[in-house]
C-alpha atoms as a PDB file:
ATOM      1  CA  UNK A   1       0.000   0.000   0.000  1.00  0.00           C
ATOM      2  CA  UNK A   2       1.371   3.423  -0.937  1.00  0.00           C
ATOM      3  CA  UNK A   3       1.921   5.959   1.812  1.00  0.00           C
ATOM      4  CA  UNK A   4      -0.852   8.566   2.175  1.00  0.00           C
ATOM      5  CA  UNK A   5       0.029  12.156   1.266  1.00  0.00           C
ATOM      6  CA  UNK A   6      -1.992  15.142   2.458  1.00  0.00           C
ATOM      7  CA  UNK A   7      -1.970  18.905   2.620  1.00  0.00           C
ATOM      8  CA  UNK A   8      -2.241  19.748   6.316  1.00  0.00           C
ATOM      9  CA  UNK A   9      -4.852  22.384   7.162  1.00  0.00           C
ATOM     10  CA  UNK A  10      -3.998  23.492  10.742  1.00  0.00           C
ATOM     11  CA  UNK A  11      -6.803  26.043  10.991  1.00  0.00           C
ATOM     12  CA  UNK A  12      -6.668  29.044  13.314  1.00  0.00           C
ATOM     13  CA  UNK A  13      -7.153  27.767  16.867  1.00  0.00           C
ATOM     14  CA  UNK A  14      -4.593  24.948  16.912  1.00  0.00           C
ATOM     15  CA  UNK A  15      -1.468  26.944  15.903  1.00  0.00           C
ATOM     16  CA  UNK A  16      -2.279  29.768  18.296  1.00  0.00           C
ATOM     17  CA  UNK A  17      -3.794  27.987  21.313  1.00  0.00           C
ATOM     18  CA  UNK A  18      -3.230  24.223  21.084  1.00  0.00           C
ATOM     19  CA  UNK A  19       0.132  23.572  19.488  1.00  0.00           C
ATOM     20  CA  UNK A  20       0.270  20.334  21.504  1.00  0.00           C
ATOM     21  CA  UNK A  21      -2.335  18.844  19.142  1.00  0.00           C
ATOM     22  CA  UNK A  22      -0.342  19.676  16.019  1.00  0.00           C
ATOM     23  CA  UNK A  23       2.995  18.630  17.546  1.00  0.00           C
ATOM     24  CA  UNK A  24       1.688  15.217  18.614  1.00  0.00           C
ATOM     25  CA  UNK A  25      -0.197  14.683  15.339  1.00  0.00           C
ATOM     26  CA  UNK A  26       2.925  15.364  13.287  1.00  0.00           C
ATOM     27  CA  UNK A  27       4.908  12.894  15.417  1.00  0.00           C
ATOM     28  CA  UNK A  28       2.517   9.974  15.020  1.00  0.00           C
ATOM     29  CA  UNK A  29       1.783  10.668  11.337  1.00  0.00           C
ATOM     30  CA  UNK A  30       5.505  10.646  10.536  1.00  0.00           C
ATOM     31  CA  UNK A  31       5.846   7.349  12.397  1.00  0.00           C
ATOM     32  CA  UNK A  32       2.992   5.959  10.289  1.00  0.00           C
ATOM     33  CA  UNK A  33       4.608   7.171   7.023  1.00  0.00           C
ATOM     34  CA  UNK A  34       1.897   9.698   6.267  1.00  0.00           C
ATOM     35  CA  UNK A  35       3.503  12.447   4.208  1.00  0.00           C
ATOM     36  CA  UNK A  36       2.469  15.931   5.291  1.00  0.00           C
ATOM     37  CA  UNK A  37       2.760  18.829   2.866  1.00  0.00           C
ATOM     38  CA  UNK A  38       2.485  22.352   4.246  1.00  0.00           C
ATOM     39  CA  UNK A  39      -0.500  24.252   2.879  1.00  0.00           C
ATOM     40  CA  UNK A  40       0.611  27.580   1.379  1.00  0.00           C
ATOM     41  CA  UNK A  41      -1.217  30.831   2.156  1.00  0.00           C
ATOM     42  CA  UNK A  42      -4.324  29.212   3.550  1.00  0.00           C
ATOM     43  CA  UNK A  43      -6.979  31.296   5.268  1.00  0.00           C
ATOM     44  CA  UNK A  44      -9.624  30.656   7.920  1.00  0.00           C
ATOM     45  CA  UNK A  45     -11.944  27.770   6.998  1.00  0.00           C
ATOM     46  CA  UNK A  46     -14.844  30.220   7.125  1.00  0.00           C
ATOM     47  CA  UNK A  47     -16.773  28.426   9.861  1.00  0.00           C
ATOM     48  CA  UNK A  48     -16.971  31.426  12.278  1.00  0.00           C
ATOM     49  CA  UNK A  49     -18.473  33.616   9.531  1.00  0.00           C
ATOM     50  CA  UNK A  50     -21.418  31.360   8.694  1.00  0.00           C
ATOM     51  CA  UNK A  51     -23.821  33.062  11.106  1.00  0.00           C
ATOM     52  CA  UNK A  52     -22.924  36.467   9.635  1.00  0.00           C
ATOM     53  CA  UNK A  53     -22.615  35.877   5.894  1.00  0.00           C
ATOM     54  CA  UNK A  54     -23.071  32.397   4.392  1.00  0.00           C
ATOM     55  CA  UNK A  55     -21.623  33.342   1.004  1.00  0.00           C
ATOM     56  CA  UNK A  56     -18.511  34.715   2.713  1.00  0.00           C
ATOM     57  CA  UNK A  57     -18.109  31.454   4.619  1.00  0.00           C
ATOM     58  CA  UNK A  58     -18.405  29.454   1.401  1.00  0.00           C
ATOM     59  CA  UNK A  59     -15.939  31.718  -0.388  1.00  0.00           C
ATOM     60  CA  UNK A  60     -13.334  31.465   2.376  1.00  0.00           C
ATOM     61  CA  UNK A  61     -13.696  27.691   2.497  1.00  0.00           C
ATOM     62  CA  UNK A  62     -13.592  27.371  -1.287  1.00  0.00           C
ATOM     63  CA  UNK A  63     -10.397  29.413  -1.567  1.00  0.00           C
ATOM     64  CA  UNK A  64      -8.687  26.765   0.584  1.00  0.00           C
ATOM     65  CA  UNK A  65     -10.124  24.020  -1.610  1.00  0.00           C
ATOM     66  CA  UNK A  66      -8.727  25.763  -4.687  1.00  0.00           C
ATOM     67  CA  UNK A  67      -5.257  25.834  -3.120  1.00  0.00           C
ATOM     68  CA  UNK A  68      -5.488  22.078  -2.575  1.00  0.00           C
ATOM     69  CA  UNK A  69      -6.740  21.525  -6.124  1.00  0.00           C
ATOM     70  CA  UNK A  70      -3.770  23.445  -7.501  1.00  0.00           C
ATOM     71  CA  UNK A  71      -1.441  21.237  -5.442  1.00  0.00           C
ATOM     72  CA  UNK A  72      -3.311  18.129  -6.543  1.00  0.00           C
ATOM     73  CA  UNK A  73      -3.556  16.841  -2.984  1.00  0.00           C
ATOM     74  CA  UNK A  74      -6.412  16.084  -0.554  1.00  0.00           C
ATOM     75  CA  UNK A  75      -6.751  18.131   2.630  1.00  0.00           C
ATOM     76  CA  UNK A  76      -6.369  16.717   6.127  1.00  0.00           C
ATOM     77  CA  UNK A  77      -7.771  18.730   9.042  1.00  0.00           C
ATOM     78  CA  UNK A  78      -7.156  18.312  12.758  1.00  0.00           C
ATOM     79  CA  UNK A  79     -10.128  20.493  13.712  1.00  0.00           C
ATOM     80  CA  UNK A  80     -13.728  19.273  13.619  1.00  0.00           C
ATOM     81  CA  UNK A  81     -15.027  22.725  12.702  1.00  0.00           C
ATOM     82  CA  UNK A  82     -12.560  23.095   9.827  1.00  0.00           C
ATOM     83  CA  UNK A  83     -13.469  19.611   8.614  1.00  0.00           C
ATOM     84  CA  UNK A  84     -17.169  20.491   8.682  1.00  0.00           C
ATOM     85  CA  UNK A  85     -16.707  23.754   6.791  1.00  0.00           C
ATOM     86  CA  UNK A  86     -14.307  22.468   4.131  1.00  0.00           C
ATOM     87  CA  UNK A  87     -15.870  19.041   3.619  1.00  0.00           C
ATOM     88  CA  UNK A  88     -19.437  20.353   3.478  1.00  0.00           C
ATOM     89  CA  UNK A  89     -18.543  23.194   1.129  1.00  0.00           C
ATOM     90  CA  UNK A  90     -16.635  20.802  -1.109  1.00  0.00           C
ATOM     91  CA  UNK A  91     -19.589  18.428  -1.410  1.00  0.00           C
ATOM     92  CA  UNK A  92     -22.250  21.122  -1.777  1.00  0.00           C
ATOM     93  CA  UNK A  93     -20.418  22.938  -4.568  1.00  0.00           C
ATOM     94  CA  UNK A  94     -19.764  19.691  -6.428  1.00  0.00           C
ATOM     95  CA  UNK A  95     -23.518  19.039  -6.495  1.00  0.00           C
ATOM     96  CA  UNK A  96     -24.941  22.561  -6.925  1.00  0.00           C
ATOM     97  CA  UNK A  97     -23.811  24.135 -10.210  1.00  0.00           C
ATOM     98  CA  UNK A  98     -25.705  27.385  -9.632  1.00  0.00           C
ATOM     99  CA  UNK A  99     -24.054  27.956  -6.261  1.00  0.00           C
ATOM    100  CA  UNK A 100     -20.680  26.812  -7.624  1.00  0.00           C
ATOM    101  CA  UNK A 101     -20.880  29.398 -10.394  1.00  0.00           C
ATOM    102  CA  UNK A 102     -21.810  32.090  -7.861  1.00  0.00           C
ATOM    103  CA  UNK A 103     -18.849  31.349  -5.576  1.00  0.00           C
ATOM    104  CA  UNK A 104     -16.508  31.015  -8.554  1.00  0.00           C
ATOM    105  CA  UNK A 105     -17.645  34.483  -9.581  1.00  0.00           C
ATOM    106  CA  UNK A 106     -16.239  35.847  -6.328  1.00  0.00           C
ATOM    107  CA  UNK A 107     -13.047  33.789  -6.607  1.00  0.00           C
ATOM    108  CA  UNK A 108     -12.443  34.910 -10.184  1.00  0.00           C
ATOM    109  CA  UNK A 109     -11.365  38.266  -8.763  1.00  0.00           C
ATOM    110  CA  UNK A 110      -8.360  36.564  -7.154  1.00  0.00           C
ATOM    111  CA  UNK A 111      -7.646  34.287 -10.099  1.00  0.00           C
ATOM    112  CA  UNK A 112      -9.133  31.093  -8.650  1.00  0.00           C
ATOM    113  CA  UNK A 113     -11.766  28.592  -9.763  1.00  0.00           C
ATOM    114  CA  UNK A 114     -13.262  25.665  -7.833  1.00  0.00           C
ATOM    115  CA  UNK A 115     -13.364  22.461  -9.891  1.00  0.00           C
ATOM    116  CA  UNK A 116     -14.197  19.813  -7.289  1.00  0.00           C
ATOM    117  CA  UNK A 117     -11.194  17.556  -7.769  1.00  0.00           C
ATOM    118  CA  UNK A 118      -9.995  16.889  -4.200  1.00  0.00           C
ATOM    119  CA  UNK A 119     -11.265  15.338  -0.961  1.00  0.00           C
ATOM    120  CA  UNK A 120     -11.267  16.608   2.639  1.00  0.00           C
ATOM    121  CA  UNK A 121     -10.669  14.276   5.570  1.00  0.00           C
ATOM    122  CA  UNK A 122     -10.357  14.664   9.319  1.00  0.00           C
ATOM    123  CA  UNK A 123      -7.356  13.097  11.049  1.00  0.00           C
ATOM    124  CA  UNK A 124      -9.403  10.190  12.431  1.00  0.00           C
ATOM    125  CA  UNK A 125     -10.585   9.221   8.958  1.00  0.00           C
ATOM    126  CA  UNK A 126      -7.071   9.449   7.528  1.00  0.00           C
ATOM    127  CA  UNK A 127      -5.947   7.090  10.290  1.00  0.00           C
ATOM    128  CA  UNK A 128      -8.876   4.666  10.049  1.00  0.00           C
ATOM    129  CA  UNK A 129      -9.297   4.623   6.254  1.00  0.00           C
ATOM    130  CA  UNK A 130      -5.927   5.456   4.685  1.00  0.00           C
ATOM    131  CA  UNK A 131      -3.377   4.308   7.243  1.00  0.00           C
ATOM    132  CA  UNK A 132      -5.519   1.421   8.464  1.00  0.00           C
ATOM    133  CA  UNK A 133      -5.906  -0.274  11.819  1.00  0.00           C
ATOM    134  CA  UNK A 134      -3.294  -2.924  11.083  1.00  0.00           C
ATOM    135  CA  UNK A 135      -0.497  -0.431  10.403  1.00  0.00           C
ATOM    136  CA  UNK A 136      -1.384   1.539  13.537  1.00  0.00           C
ATOM    137  CA  UNK A 137      -1.446  -1.621  15.651  1.00  0.00           C
ATOM    138  CA  UNK A 138       1.972  -2.636  14.322  1.00  0.00           C
ATOM    139  CA  UNK A 139       3.373   0.786  15.263  1.00  0.00           C
ATOM    140  CA  UNK A 140       2.386   0.365  18.929  1.00  0.00           C
ATOM    141  CA  UNK A 141       5.582  -0.429  20.821  1.00  0.00           C
ATOM    142  CA  UNK A 142       4.337   0.036  24.388  1.00  0.00           C
ATOM    143  CA  UNK A 143       0.670  -1.013  24.674  1.00  0.00           C
ATOM    144  CA  UNK A 144      -1.233   1.008  27.276  1.00  0.00           C
ATOM    145  CA  UNK A 145      -2.558  -2.093  29.000  1.00  0.00           C
ATOM    146  CA  UNK A 146      -4.535  -1.330  32.142  1.00  0.00           C
ATOM    147  CA  UNK A 147      -5.214   2.292  31.178  1.00  0.00           C
ATOM    148  CA  UNK A 148      -8.912   3.238  31.176  1.00  0.00           C
ATOM    149  CA  UNK A 149     -10.069   6.232  29.140  1.00  0.00           C
ATOM    150  CA  UNK A 150     -13.251   7.699  27.663  1.00  0.00           C
ATOM    151  CA  UNK A 151     -13.657   9.419  24.300  1.00  0.00           C
ATOM    152  CA  UNK A 152     -15.385  12.549  23.065  1.00  0.00           C
ATOM    153  CA  UNK A 153     -15.578  12.653  19.261  1.00  0.00           C
ATOM    154  CA  UNK A 154     -17.317  16.023  19.104  1.00  0.00           C
ATOM    155  CA  UNK A 155     -20.149  17.064  16.808  1.00  0.00           C
ATOM    156  CA  UNK A 156     -18.804  18.235  13.460  1.00  0.00           C
ATOM    157  CA  UNK A 157     -16.610  15.242  12.690  1.00  0.00           C
ATOM    158  CA  UNK A 158     -19.843  13.188  12.638  1.00  0.00           C
ATOM    159  CA  UNK A 159     -22.568  15.623  11.565  1.00  0.00           C
ATOM    160  CA  UNK A 160     -24.375  16.447   9.324  1.00  0.00           C
ATOM    161  CA  UNK A 161     -24.585  12.789   8.437  1.00  0.00           C
ATOM    162  CA  UNK A 162     -25.444  13.415   4.776  1.00  0.00           C
ATOM    163  CA  UNK A 163     -22.151  15.271   4.249  1.00  0.00           C
ATOM    164  CA  UNK A 164     -19.880  13.172   6.482  1.00  0.00           C
ATOM    165  CA  UNK A 165     -21.398   9.736   5.928  1.00  0.00           C
ATOM    166  CA  UNK A 166     -18.629   7.785   7.629  1.00  0.00           C
ATOM    167  CA  UNK A 167     -19.628   7.027  11.226  1.00  0.00           C
ATOM    168  CA  UNK A 168     -22.944   6.816  13.063  1.00  0.00           C
ATOM    169  CA  UNK A 169     -23.538  10.179  14.807  1.00  0.00           C
ATOM    170  CA  UNK A 170     -25.687   8.446  17.447  1.00  0.00           C
ATOM    171  CA  UNK A 171     -23.237   5.616  18.093  1.00  0.00           C
ATOM    172  CA  UNK A 172     -19.781   6.568  16.761  1.00  0.00           C
ATOM    173  CA  UNK A 173     -17.095   3.892  16.831  1.00  0.00           C
ATOM    174  CA  UNK A 174     -14.133   5.270  14.844  1.00  0.00           C
ATOM    175  CA  UNK A 175     -12.393   7.047  17.709  1.00  0.00           C
ATOM    176  CA  UNK A 176     -13.172   4.157  20.061  1.00  0.00           C
ATOM    177  CA  UNK A 177     -11.493   1.698  17.695  1.00  0.00           C
ATOM    178  CA  UNK A 178      -8.480   3.979  17.309  1.00  0.00           C
ATOM    179  CA  UNK A 179      -8.164   4.218  21.091  1.00  0.00           C
ATOM    180  CA  UNK A 180      -8.346   0.447  21.530  1.00  0.00           C
ATOM    181  CA  UNK A 181      -5.424   0.041  19.122  1.00  0.00           C
ATOM    182  CA  UNK A 182      -3.215   1.688  21.744  1.00  0.00           C
ATOM    183  CA  UNK A 183      -3.995  -1.090  24.224  1.00  0.00           C
ATOM    184  CA  UNK A 184      -6.043   1.224  26.443  1.00  0.00           C
ATOM    185  CA  UNK A 185      -9.601   0.348  27.409  1.00  0.00           C
ATOM    186  CA  UNK A 186     -12.217   2.742  26.004  1.00  0.00           C
ATOM    187  CA  UNK A 187     -15.126   2.996  28.431  1.00  0.00           C
ATOM    188  CA  UNK A 188     -18.728   3.726  27.509  1.00  0.00           C
ATOM    189  CA  UNK A 189     -20.527   6.412  29.513  1.00  0.00           C
ATOM    190  CA  UNK A 190     -23.860   8.202  29.655  1.00  0.00           C
ATOM    191  CA  UNK A 191     -24.637  10.804  26.981  1.00  0.00           C
ATOM    192  CA  UNK A 192     -21.395  10.242  25.058  1.00  0.00           C
ATOM    193  CA  UNK A 193     -22.594  12.074  21.960  1.00  0.00           C
ATOM    194  CA  UNK A 194     -23.696  15.254  23.763  1.00  0.00           C
ATOM    195  CA  UNK A 195     -22.052  18.523  22.645  1.00  0.00           C
ATOM    196  CA  UNK A 196     -19.272  19.990  24.806  1.00  0.00           C
ATOM    197  CA  UNK A 197     -21.100  23.331  24.902  1.00  0.00           C
ATOM    198  CA  UNK A 198     -18.260  25.438  23.496  1.00  0.00           C
ATOM    199  CA  UNK A 199     -20.148  26.892  20.486  1.00  0.00           C
ATOM    200  CA  UNK A 200     -22.196  29.232  22.698  1.00  0.00           C
ATOM    201  CA  UNK A 201     -19.580  30.090  25.322  1.00  0.00           C
ATOM    202  CA  UNK A 202     -19.124  33.559  23.826  1.00  0.00           C
ATOM    203  CA  UNK A 203     -22.791  34.298  24.499  1.00  0.00           C
ATOM    204  CA  UNK A 204     -23.458  32.500  27.777  1.00  0.00           C
ATOM    205  CA  UNK A 205     -20.992  30.634  30.003  1.00  0.00           C
ATOM    206  CA  UNK A 206     -23.559  29.104  32.352  1.00  0.00           C
ATOM    207  CA  UNK A 207     -25.076  26.665  29.856  1.00  0.00           C
ATOM    208  CA  UNK A 208     -21.815  25.343  28.336  1.00  0.00           C
ATOM    209  CA  UNK A 209     -20.233  25.033  31.784  1.00  0.00           C
ATOM    210  CA  UNK A 210     -23.250  22.983  32.923  1.00  0.00           C
ATOM    211  CA  UNK A 211     -22.991  20.780  29.821  1.00  0.00           C
ATOM    212  CA  UNK A 212     -19.273  20.215  30.281  1.00  0.00           C
ATOM    213  CA  UNK A 213     -19.710  19.579  33.992  1.00  0.00           C
ATOM    214  CA  UNK A 214     -22.287  16.863  33.300  1.00  0.00           C
ATOM    215  CA  UNK A 215     -19.987  15.286  30.724  1.00  0.00           C
ATOM    216  CA  UNK A 216     -17.083  15.236  33.200  1.00  0.00           C
ATOM    217  CA  UNK A 217     -19.415  13.786  35.846  1.00  0.00           C
ATOM    218  CA  UNK A 218     -20.340  10.916  33.540  1.00  0.00           C
ATOM    219  CA  UNK A 219     -16.739  10.257  32.510  1.00  0.00           C
ATOM    220  CA  UNK A 220     -15.625  10.190  36.124  1.00  0.00           C
ATOM    221  CA  UNK A 221     -18.522   7.917  37.113  1.00  0.00           C
ATOM    222  CA  UNK A 222     -17.280   5.047  34.916  1.00  0.00           C
ATOM    223  CA  UNK A 223     -13.744   5.270  36.297  1.00  0.00           C
ATOM    224  CA  UNK A 224     -11.966   6.812  33.325  1.00  0.00           C
ATOM    225  CA  UNK A 225      -8.436   8.080  33.975  1.00  0.00           C
ATOM    226  CA  UNK A 226      -8.523  10.531  31.051  1.00  0.00           C
ATOM    227  CA  UNK A 227     -10.807  11.927  28.371  1.00  0.00           C
ATOM    228  CA  UNK A 228      -9.597  11.706  24.761  1.00  0.00           C
ATOM    229  CA  UNK A 229     -10.547  14.374  22.211  1.00  0.00           C
ATOM    230  CA  UNK A 230      -9.935  15.071  18.514  1.00  0.00           C
ATOM    231  CA  UNK A 231     -11.359  18.606  18.370  1.00  0.00           C
ATOM    232  CA  UNK A 232      -9.552  21.751  19.575  1.00  0.00           C
ATOM    233  CA  UNK A 233     -12.763  23.464  20.727  1.00  0.00           C
ATOM    234  CA  UNK A 234     -13.862  20.422  22.732  1.00  0.00           C
ATOM    235  CA  UNK A 235     -10.381  20.175  24.185  1.00  0.00           C
ATOM    236  CA  UNK A 236     -10.435  23.812  25.261  1.00  0.00           C
ATOM    237  CA  UNK A 237     -13.799  23.234  26.924  1.00  0.00           C
ATOM    238  CA  UNK A 238     -12.726  20.196  28.936  1.00  0.00           C
ATOM    239  CA  UNK A 239      -9.063  20.989  29.596  1.00  0.00           C
ATOM    240  CA  UNK A 240      -8.423  24.735  29.585  1.00  0.00           C
ATOM    241  CA  UNK A 241     -11.817  25.530  31.106  1.00  0.00           C
ATOM    242  CA  UNK A 242     -11.847  22.653  33.587  1.00  0.00           C
ATOM    243  CA  UNK A 243     -10.527  24.791  36.502  1.00  0.00           C
ATOM    244  CA  UNK A 244     -13.235  27.385  35.817  1.00  0.00           C
ATOM    245  CA  UNK A 245     -15.901  24.675  35.724  1.00  0.00           C
ATOM    246  CA  UNK A 246     -14.597  23.296  39.014  1.00  0.00           C
ATOM    247  CA  UNK A 247     -14.838  26.732  40.645  1.00  0.00           C
ATOM    248  CA  UNK A 248     -18.315  27.367  39.230  1.00  0.00           C
ATOM    249  CA  UNK A 249     -19.702  24.135  40.731  1.00  0.00           C
ATOM    250  CA  UNK A 250     -17.381  23.731  43.710  1.00  0.00           C
ATOM    251  CA  UNK A 251     -16.176  20.426  42.239  1.00  0.00           C
ATOM    252  CA  UNK A 252     -12.793  18.823  41.751  1.00  0.00           C
ATOM    253  CA  UNK A 253     -12.454  16.622  38.665  1.00  0.00           C
ATOM    254  CA  UNK A 254      -8.708  16.626  38.003  1.00  0.00           C
ATOM    255  CA  UNK A 255      -9.538  14.812  34.748  1.00  0.00           C
ATOM    256  CA  UNK A 256      -6.672  14.896  32.221  1.00  0.00           C
ATOM    257  CA  UNK A 257      -7.819  15.573  28.655  1.00  0.00           C
ATOM    258  CA  UNK A 258      -5.480  14.250  25.958  1.00  0.00           C
ATOM    259  CA  UNK A 259      -5.509  14.747  22.213  1.00  0.00           C
ATOM    260  CA  UNK A 260      -5.790  11.342  20.553  1.00  0.00           C
ATOM    261  CA  UNK A 261      -2.333  11.658  18.917  1.00  0.00           C
ATOM    262  CA  UNK A 262      -0.864  12.120  22.390  1.00  0.00           C
ATOM    263  CA  UNK A 263      -2.406   8.841  23.565  1.00  0.00           C
ATOM    264  CA  UNK A 264      -1.285   7.048  20.411  1.00  0.00           C
ATOM    265  CA  UNK A 265       2.156   8.626  20.665  1.00  0.00           C
ATOM    266  CA  UNK A 266       2.620   7.285  24.196  1.00  0.00           C
ATOM    267  CA  UNK A 267       1.734   3.803  22.925  1.00  0.00           C
ATOM    268  CA  UNK A 268       4.249   4.242  20.102  1.00  0.00           C
ATOM    269  CA  UNK A 269       6.982   4.958  22.622  1.00  0.00           C
ATOM    270  CA  UNK A 270       7.298   8.735  22.309  1.00  0.00           C
ATOM    271  CA  UNK A 271       8.142  10.594  25.506  1.00  0.00           C
ATOM    272  CA  UNK A 272       5.654  12.970  27.146  1.00  0.00           C
ATOM    273  CA  UNK A 273       7.981  15.844  26.226  1.00  0.00           C
ATOM    274  CA  UNK A 274       7.974  14.890  22.529  1.00  0.00           C
ATOM    275  CA  UNK A 275       4.167  14.893  22.577  1.00  0.00           C
ATOM    276  CA  UNK A 276       3.920  18.271  24.384  1.00  0.00           C
ATOM    277  CA  UNK A 277       1.946  16.778  27.277  1.00  0.00           C
ATOM    278  CA  UNK A 278       3.374  19.533  29.478  1.00  0.00           C
ATOM    279  CA  UNK A 279       1.127  22.009  27.643  1.00  0.00           C
ATOM    280  CA  UNK A 280      -2.053  20.443  29.023  1.00  0.00           C
ATOM    281  CA  UNK A 281      -3.798  22.498  31.708  1.00  0.00           C
ATOM    282  CA  UNK A 282      -4.739  19.402  33.730  1.00  0.00           C
ATOM    283  CA  UNK A 283      -1.492  17.490  34.132  1.00  0.00           C
ATOM    284  CA  UNK A 284      -1.769  13.709  33.527  1.00  0.00           C
ATOM    285  CA  UNK A 285       0.779  12.914  36.254  1.00  0.00           C
ATOM    286  CA  UNK A 286      -0.874   9.797  37.660  1.00  0.00           C
ATOM    287  CA  UNK A 287      -1.639   8.461  34.184  1.00  0.00           C
ATOM    288  CA  UNK A 288       1.995   8.866  33.100  1.00  0.00           C
ATOM    289  CA  UNK A 289       3.240   7.247  36.297  1.00  0.00           C
ATOM    290  CA  UNK A 290       1.082   4.208  35.610  1.00  0.00           C
ATOM    291  CA  UNK A 291       2.266   4.018  32.003  1.00  0.00           C
ATOM    292  CA  UNK A 292       5.888   4.180  33.140  1.00  0.00           C
END
């Protein structure tokens, strides 16, 4: 099987706020012989603009797709929101000629034209579909036997179903299977598919904090030692905001939240320093001690 090759779309949030996700992803992808090509002069995926101007969102997303088309390579995203915006735009414009012509009219001013020749995939689908479970399993040098974790896939890597069409939004298994390849046990818990709450945190903190608190309650109840995420916004909600949630509800969770590539990287034999685990707000000290 030939080695996968992708243009990496880092998005906005990861480079500026969660470099640990990108660092760990690059480590494990290199180990798995996935070739990463830097994406030149990309812009925001457009997702934040959708509530203000839908055509602007589509145009921003499509410009990135045009860059990938020129390079002749598919796009890989690490962010659920970026995946949603780019993947959905790509599929909609391929099917809707009238809308495609409209957006191409805007892009003509900057010398670009969308043709619909590339694909967009999130990291978990690159790993599960292109790398394959067998290659990942063979790359695990130090199985995380005895480690118990829970997963949070997030919303936009699964929904809308008609545009993603890969996993079941009501009972997703892709991230669970990827976790089990590390040797760790992936625990089921109540309301696994509920949103983290982050999308409305700029409007109202009370509701998202309540949602995240309930999620952490359920994860803790089944005895998980860590929560595993693949979305920067979900990670910010559960990791960076965890101390604020604890203060708001007079609780103490001390629940480490790892990016999936960090968990996989530990199973591959990378050190915590190589995977930027020190950048996590909630330090996984006990988890690392058990792994050692």
